[in-house]
Every structure is written in structure tokens, then in C-alpha cells.
Amino acid sequence: MDPWTQILDRIWYYLEEGPASAAVTQAIPPANRGKYGPEQIEPAVPTNSTQPVLIVDQTGGDLDLNYSPRYLRAREEFQITLWADTLALSQVNDLRLKVLAALEAGLPNLGLDTVLEIKFHTGQMTLALDKVERDADGRLMQWRWDLRKARQRAVLLELNVTFLIDRTSLST
């Protein structure tokens, strides 16, 4: 399995099955956890836009092809998007803390033995409607109407992972 998918799978493991995942799984219904599967272009539409929503996506990074004769250095950003079921900042901050606690309980183990660095960054916190309207790739168009009727707030958490890729794995 490629290293990006390994990391993505491990993130979901910590959010849903890891040692500190109970708070996340209690707060966010399974149908509102957006996953991109191997055959899935878009996550399933959340069943209820008045409940919190969690989507984990891979948003890009960079490769250093000249890192060393044996390794490539990769830096990838995984974006964790949370929609609270309210405009209250305390609710979205509570969700953010639950997600951070679930991930932190398992780090630095991301399924690879070549992880060099893990950094968290909190992206824009905004009204969910504003984020959805700016969603350039249109992944969330299917349930925009429900979001317009709901009053929600969104926050982005960015997990930047730097890891090495052994050049010998490129030929297999």
C-alpha cells in the first residue's frame, strides 16, 4: 500500500477505533463521517446536516527528489474539516479538541516507520455556509441546501506529515 493511503487509514483508525476515539464517535454519527474510499469520488452525503460532520481529505504537498540517494522526502497535508451543529464557538472548539485528542493519543505512529515530523495547524474557522460556497471542487454540492437551512460553523484542522519514501519501493 502506498504511504499516503497508509497515513489516511491510520488517521481514520485513531478517529474511530483508537484509544481516545470514543468522544469523536459519540459526537459525530457514522453517516456524517466523510470518507473517500478506493472506488469513491465523493463521500456519502451526511444523513443529517443538523448534526456534526467530519471529513478527512488529502490536500497535497511536495516531494524532494534530491533528499538522499536512498530516500525521497515527502510532505503531505491532510485536511480535517469539522462542521458543528451550531454557530456556538464553544461547540466547534469542543469538537476540535475531541479530534485532536483522538489523533494525539496515537501519534507519532502513522503506519510508517519513516515519519520525520508531524505538525498540526488550524485553518480558517468560519460559518459553514461560507466554506461550502467557496468549495471550488464542488464535493459538497449535494447537501448545500441542507446547510443553508442549518446554522453551523466549520473549522479546518491541517495535519502536515513529513516522511521518507524508500527508492527501492518505487520499483515494486
C-alpha atoms as a PDB file:
ATOM      1  CA  MET A   1       0.000   0.000   0.000  1.00  0.00           C
ATOM      2  CA  ASP A   2       1.253   3.493  -0.792  1.00  0.00           C
ATOM      3  CA  PRO A   3       2.363   5.695   2.144  1.00  0.00           C
ATOM      4  CA  TRP A   4      -0.324   8.356   1.639  1.00  0.00           C
ATOM      5  CA  THR A   5      -3.139   5.817   1.927  1.00  0.00           C
ATOM      6  CA  GLN A   6      -1.439   4.230   4.947  1.00  0.00           C
ATOM      7  CA  ILE A   7      -1.410   7.581   6.725  1.00  0.00           C
ATOM      8  CA  LEU A   8      -5.015   8.349   5.755  1.00  0.00           C
ATOM      9  CA  ASP A   9      -6.154   4.940   7.022  1.00  0.00           C
ATOM     10  CA  ARG A  10      -4.294   5.474  10.297  1.00  0.00           C
ATOM     11  CA  ILE A  11      -5.901   8.901  10.793  1.00  0.00           C
ATOM     12  CA  TRP A  12      -9.345   7.300  10.425  1.00  0.00           C
ATOM     13  CA  TYR A  13      -8.316   4.482  12.749  1.00  0.00           C
ATOM     14  CA  TYR A  14      -7.435   6.964  15.502  1.00  0.00           C
ATOM     15  CA  LEU A  15     -10.665   8.909  14.950  1.00  0.00           C
ATOM     16  CA  GLU A  16     -12.945   5.853  15.010  1.00  0.00           C
ATOM     17  CA  GLU A  17     -11.189   2.992  16.810  1.00  0.00           C
ATOM     18  CA  GLY A  18      -8.150   4.384  18.601  1.00  0.00           C
ATOM     19  CA  PRO A  19      -7.601   4.678  22.353  1.00  0.00           C
ATOM     20  CA  ALA A  20      -9.214   8.146  22.569  1.00  0.00           C
ATOM     21  CA  SER A  21     -11.808   7.847  19.791  1.00  0.00           C
ATOM     22  CA  ALA A  22     -14.919   7.429  21.971  1.00  0.00           C
ATOM     23  CA  ALA A  23     -15.591  11.171  22.217  1.00  0.00           C
ATOM     24  CA  VAL A  24     -15.396  11.552  18.422  1.00  0.00           C
ATOM     25  CA  THR A  25     -17.607   8.565  17.675  1.00  0.00           C
ATOM     26  CA  GLN A  26     -20.197   9.746  20.207  1.00  0.00           C
ATOM     27  CA  ALA A  27     -20.250  13.301  18.824  1.00  0.00           C
ATOM     28  CA  ILE A  28     -20.314  12.518  15.101  1.00  0.00           C
ATOM     29  CA  PRO A  29     -22.710   9.905  13.675  1.00  0.00           C
ATOM     30  CA  PRO A  30     -21.119   7.310  11.341  1.00  0.00           C
ATOM     31  CA  ALA A  31     -23.151   8.576   8.387  1.00  0.00           C
ATOM     32  CA  ASN A  32     -21.690  12.063   8.896  1.00  0.00           C
ATOM     33  CA  ARG A  33     -18.061  10.915   8.690  1.00  0.00           C
ATOM     34  CA  GLY A  34     -16.974  11.573   5.129  1.00  0.00           C
ATOM     35  CA  LYS A  35     -14.505   9.052   3.779  1.00  0.00           C
ATOM     36  CA  TYR A  36     -13.102   8.777   0.303  1.00  0.00           C
ATOM     37  CA  GLY A  37     -12.850   5.083  -0.479  1.00  0.00           C
ATOM     38  CA  PRO A  38     -10.884   3.380  -3.261  1.00  0.00           C
ATOM     39  CA  GLU A  39     -13.861   3.480  -5.627  1.00  0.00           C
ATOM     40  CA  GLN A  40     -15.493   6.596  -4.209  1.00  0.00           C
ATOM     41  CA  ILE A  41     -15.023  10.030  -5.744  1.00  0.00           C
ATOM     42  CA  GLU A  42     -17.156  11.759  -3.119  1.00  0.00           C
ATOM     43  CA  PRO A  43     -18.040  10.833   0.440  1.00  0.00           C
ATOM     44  CA  ALA A  44     -21.587   9.795   1.160  1.00  0.00           C
ATOM     45  CA  VAL A  45     -23.954  12.671   1.755  1.00  0.00           C
ATOM     46  CA  PRO A  46     -24.432  13.233   5.505  1.00  0.00           C
ATOM     47  CA  THR A  47     -27.771  11.950   6.685  1.00  0.00           C
ATOM     48  CA  ASN A  48     -28.497  14.931   8.900  1.00  0.00           C
ATOM     49  CA  SER A  49     -26.937  18.348   8.368  1.00  0.00           C
ATOM     50  CA  THR A  50     -28.060  19.440  11.825  1.00  0.00           C
ATOM     51  CA  GLN A  51     -25.543  17.027  13.384  1.00  0.00           C
ATOM     52  CA  PRO A  52     -21.763  17.459  13.345  1.00  0.00           C
ATOM     53  CA  VAL A  53     -19.923  16.394  10.200  1.00  0.00           C
ATOM     54  CA  LEU A  54     -16.315  15.196   9.866  1.00  0.00           C
ATOM     55  CA  ILE A  55     -14.436  14.866   6.567  1.00  0.00           C
ATOM     56  CA  VAL A  56     -10.789  13.883   6.187  1.00  0.00           C
ATOM     57  CA  ASP A  57      -9.171  14.695   2.883  1.00  0.00           C
ATOM     58  CA  GLN A  58      -5.689  14.691   1.410  1.00  0.00           C
ATOM     59  CA  THR A  59      -4.915  18.122   0.011  1.00  0.00           C
ATOM     60  CA  GLY A  60      -1.408  17.857  -1.430  1.00  0.00           C
ATOM     61  CA  GLY A  61       2.162  18.531  -0.505  1.00  0.00           C
ATOM     62  CA  ASP A  62       5.581  18.264  -2.040  1.00  0.00           C
ATOM     63  CA  LEU A  63       8.296  15.741  -2.862  1.00  0.00           C
ATOM     64  CA  ASP A  64      12.037  16.322  -2.537  1.00  0.00           C
ATOM     65  CA  LEU A  65      13.531  14.026  -5.168  1.00  0.00           C
ATOM     66  CA  ASN A  66      17.071  15.022  -4.173  1.00  0.00           C
ATOM     67  CA  TYR A  67      16.781  14.284  -0.448  1.00  0.00           C
ATOM     68  CA  SER A  68      19.260  11.401  -0.481  1.00  0.00           C
ATOM     69  CA  PRO A  69      20.398   8.581  -2.749  1.00  0.00           C
ATOM     70  CA  ARG A  70      18.155   6.156  -0.839  1.00  0.00           C
ATOM     71  CA  TYR A  71      15.068   8.244   0.009  1.00  0.00           C
ATOM     72  CA  LEU A  72      12.632  10.779  -1.356  1.00  0.00           C
ATOM     73  CA  ARG A  73      11.282  13.209   1.238  1.00  0.00           C
ATOM     74  CA  ALA A  74       7.526  13.766   1.106  1.00  0.00           C
ATOM     75  CA  ARG A  75       5.451  16.357   2.916  1.00  0.00           C
ATOM     76  CA  GLU A  76       1.702  15.895   2.688  1.00  0.00           C
ATOM     77  CA  GLU A  77      -1.199  17.843   4.136  1.00  0.00           C
ATOM     78  CA  PHE A  78      -4.275  16.035   5.372  1.00  0.00           C
ATOM     79  CA  GLN A  79      -7.239  18.325   5.952  1.00  0.00           C
ATOM     80  CA  ILE A  80      -9.757  17.503   8.645  1.00  0.00           C
ATOM     81  CA  THR A  81     -12.957  19.500   8.227  1.00  0.00           C
ATOM     82  CA  LEU A  82     -15.466  19.743  11.056  1.00  0.00           C
ATOM     83  CA  TRP A  83     -18.941  21.202  10.863  1.00  0.00           C
ATOM     84  CA  ALA A  84     -20.560  21.851  14.219  1.00  0.00           C
ATOM     85  CA  ASP A  85     -24.310  21.601  14.611  1.00  0.00           C
ATOM     86  CA  THR A  86     -24.472  25.168  15.887  1.00  0.00           C
ATOM     87  CA  LEU A  87     -22.914  28.591  15.460  1.00  0.00           C
ATOM     88  CA  ALA A  88     -21.579  28.477  19.028  1.00  0.00           C
ATOM     89  CA  LEU A  89     -17.804  28.706  19.047  1.00  0.00           C
ATOM     90  CA  SER A  90     -17.667  26.590  22.190  1.00  0.00           C
ATOM     91  CA  GLN A  91     -19.234  23.664  20.300  1.00  0.00           C
ATOM     92  CA  VAL A  92     -16.820  23.758  17.361  1.00  0.00           C
ATOM     93  CA  ASN A  93     -13.893  24.181  19.764  1.00  0.00           C
ATOM     94  CA  ASP A  94     -15.124  21.159  21.727  1.00  0.00           C
ATOM     95  CA  LEU A  95     -15.269  19.085  18.529  1.00  0.00           C
ATOM     96  CA  ARG A  96     -11.801  20.283  17.568  1.00  0.00           C
ATOM     97  CA  LEU A  97     -10.445  19.228  20.963  1.00  0.00           C
ATOM     98  CA  LYS A  98     -12.037  15.767  20.664  1.00  0.00           C
ATOM     99  CA  VAL A  99     -10.464  15.217  17.246  1.00  0.00           C
ATOM    100  CA  LEU A 100      -7.067  16.455  18.422  1.00  0.00           C
ATOM    101  CA  ALA A 101      -7.208  14.193  21.493  1.00  0.00           C
ATOM    102  CA  ALA A 102      -8.112  11.165  19.358  1.00  0.00           C
ATOM    103  CA  LEU A 103      -5.236  11.775  16.961  1.00  0.00           C
ATOM    104  CA  GLU A 104      -2.695  12.739  19.607  1.00  0.00           C
ATOM    105  CA  ALA A 105      -3.350   9.503  21.506  1.00  0.00           C
ATOM    106  CA  GLY A 106      -1.824   7.539  18.638  1.00  0.00           C
ATOM    107  CA  LEU A 107       0.841   9.843  17.269  1.00  0.00           C
ATOM    108  CA  PRO A 108       3.547   9.618  16.101  1.00  0.00           C
ATOM    109  CA  ASN A 109       2.581   6.172  14.757  1.00  0.00           C
ATOM    110  CA  LEU A 110       1.047   6.812  11.344  1.00  0.00           C
ATOM    111  CA  GLY A 111       1.635   3.362   9.929  1.00  0.00           C
ATOM    112  CA  LEU A 112       5.079   4.205   8.563  1.00  0.00           C
ATOM    113  CA  ASP A 113       8.458   3.827  10.213  1.00  0.00           C
ATOM    114  CA  THR A 114       9.891   6.735   8.208  1.00  0.00           C
ATOM    115  CA  VAL A 115       7.817   9.629   9.578  1.00  0.00           C
ATOM    116  CA  LEU A 116      10.114  12.580  10.290  1.00  0.00           C
ATOM    117  CA  GLU A 117       7.686  15.242  11.522  1.00  0.00           C
ATOM    118  CA  ILE A 118       4.027  15.814  12.291  1.00  0.00           C
ATOM    119  CA  LYS A 119       2.563  19.293  12.640  1.00  0.00           C
ATOM    120  CA  PHE A 120      -0.966  20.499  13.291  1.00  0.00           C
ATOM    121  CA  HIS A 121      -2.299  23.770  12.003  1.00  0.00           C
ATOM    122  CA  THR A 122      -5.774  25.185  12.499  1.00  0.00           C
ATOM    123  CA  GLY A 123      -7.098  26.658   9.311  1.00  0.00           C
ATOM    124  CA  GLN A 124      -9.962  29.028   8.836  1.00  0.00           C
ATOM    125  CA  MET A 125     -12.888  28.919  11.225  1.00  0.00           C
ATOM    126  CA  THR A 126     -15.968  30.226   9.504  1.00  0.00           C
ATOM    127  CA  LEU A 127     -19.667  29.831   9.078  1.00  0.00           C
ATOM    128  CA  ALA A 128     -20.224  26.533   7.297  1.00  0.00           C
ATOM    129  CA  LEU A 129     -22.202  28.242   4.570  1.00  0.00           C
ATOM    130  CA  ASP A 130     -19.224  30.442   3.716  1.00  0.00           C
ATOM    131  CA  LYS A 131     -16.910  27.434   3.440  1.00  0.00           C
ATOM    132  CA  VAL A 132     -19.324  25.473   1.307  1.00  0.00           C
ATOM    133  CA  GLU A 133     -19.880  28.352  -1.064  1.00  0.00           C
ATOM    134  CA  ARG A 134     -16.108  28.566  -1.607  1.00  0.00           C
ATOM    135  CA  ASP A 135     -15.675  24.811  -2.059  1.00  0.00           C
ATOM    136  CA  ALA A 136     -14.136  25.031  -5.532  1.00  0.00           C
ATOM    137  CA  ASP A 137     -14.267  21.370  -6.415  1.00  0.00           C
ATOM    138  CA  GLY A 138     -17.976  21.111  -5.603  1.00  0.00           C
ATOM    139  CA  ARG A 139     -17.757  17.951  -3.500  1.00  0.00           C
ATOM    140  CA  LEU A 140     -20.355  19.216  -1.088  1.00  0.00           C
ATOM    141  CA  MET A 141     -22.896  20.469  -3.593  1.00  0.00           C
ATOM    142  CA  GLN A 142     -25.272  17.587  -2.868  1.00  0.00           C
ATOM    143  CA  TRP A 143     -26.133  18.857   0.555  1.00  0.00           C
ATOM    144  CA  ARG A 144     -25.602  22.614   0.260  1.00  0.00           C
ATOM    145  CA  TRP A 145     -29.306  23.218   0.503  1.00  0.00           C
ATOM    146  CA  ASP A 146     -29.491  21.481   3.878  1.00  0.00           C
ATOM    147  CA  LEU A 147     -26.564  23.560   5.102  1.00  0.00           C
ATOM    148  CA  ARG A 148     -28.331  26.742   4.027  1.00  0.00           C
ATOM    149  CA  LYS A 149     -31.223  25.812   6.298  1.00  0.00           C
ATOM    150  CA  ALA A 150     -28.901  24.797   9.154  1.00  0.00           C
ATOM    151  CA  ARG A 151     -26.906  27.216  11.261  1.00  0.00           C
ATOM    152  CA  GLN A 152     -23.445  25.721  11.530  1.00  0.00           C
ATOM    153  CA  ARG A 153     -19.841  26.707  11.982  1.00  0.00           C
ATOM    154  CA  ALA A 154     -16.867  24.982  10.348  1.00  0.00           C
ATOM    155  CA  VAL A 155     -13.207  24.637  11.242  1.00  0.00           C
ATOM    156  CA  LEU A 156     -10.309  23.157   9.323  1.00  0.00           C
ATOM    157  CA  LEU A 157      -7.518  21.222  11.005  1.00  0.00           C
ATOM    158  CA  GLU A 158      -4.468  20.615   8.896  1.00  0.00           C
ATOM    159  CA  LEU A 159      -2.163  17.728   9.701  1.00  0.00           C
ATOM    160  CA  ASN A 160       1.176  18.099   7.924  1.00  0.00           C
ATOM    161  CA  VAL A 161       3.206  14.893   7.797  1.00  0.00           C
ATOM    162  CA  THR A 162       6.784  14.694   6.566  1.00  0.00           C
ATOM    163  CA  PHE A 163       8.028  11.202   5.772  1.00  0.00           C
ATOM    164  CA  LEU A 164      10.570   9.342   3.676  1.00  0.00           C
ATOM    165  CA  ILE A 165       9.873   7.050   0.729  1.00  0.00           C
ATOM    166  CA  ASP A 166      12.499   4.393   0.100  1.00  0.00           C
ATOM    167  CA  ARG A 167      13.529   4.496  -3.559  1.00  0.00           C
ATOM    168  CA  THR A 168      13.508   0.681  -3.686  1.00  0.00           C
ATOM    169  CA  SER A 169       9.727   0.750  -3.047  1.00  0.00           C
ATOM    170  CA  LEU A 170       9.235   2.701  -6.276  1.00  0.00           C
ATOM    171  CA  SER A 171      10.117  -0.304  -8.388  1.00  0.00           C
ATOM    172  CA  THR A 172       7.672  -2.717  -6.755  1.00  0.00           C
END
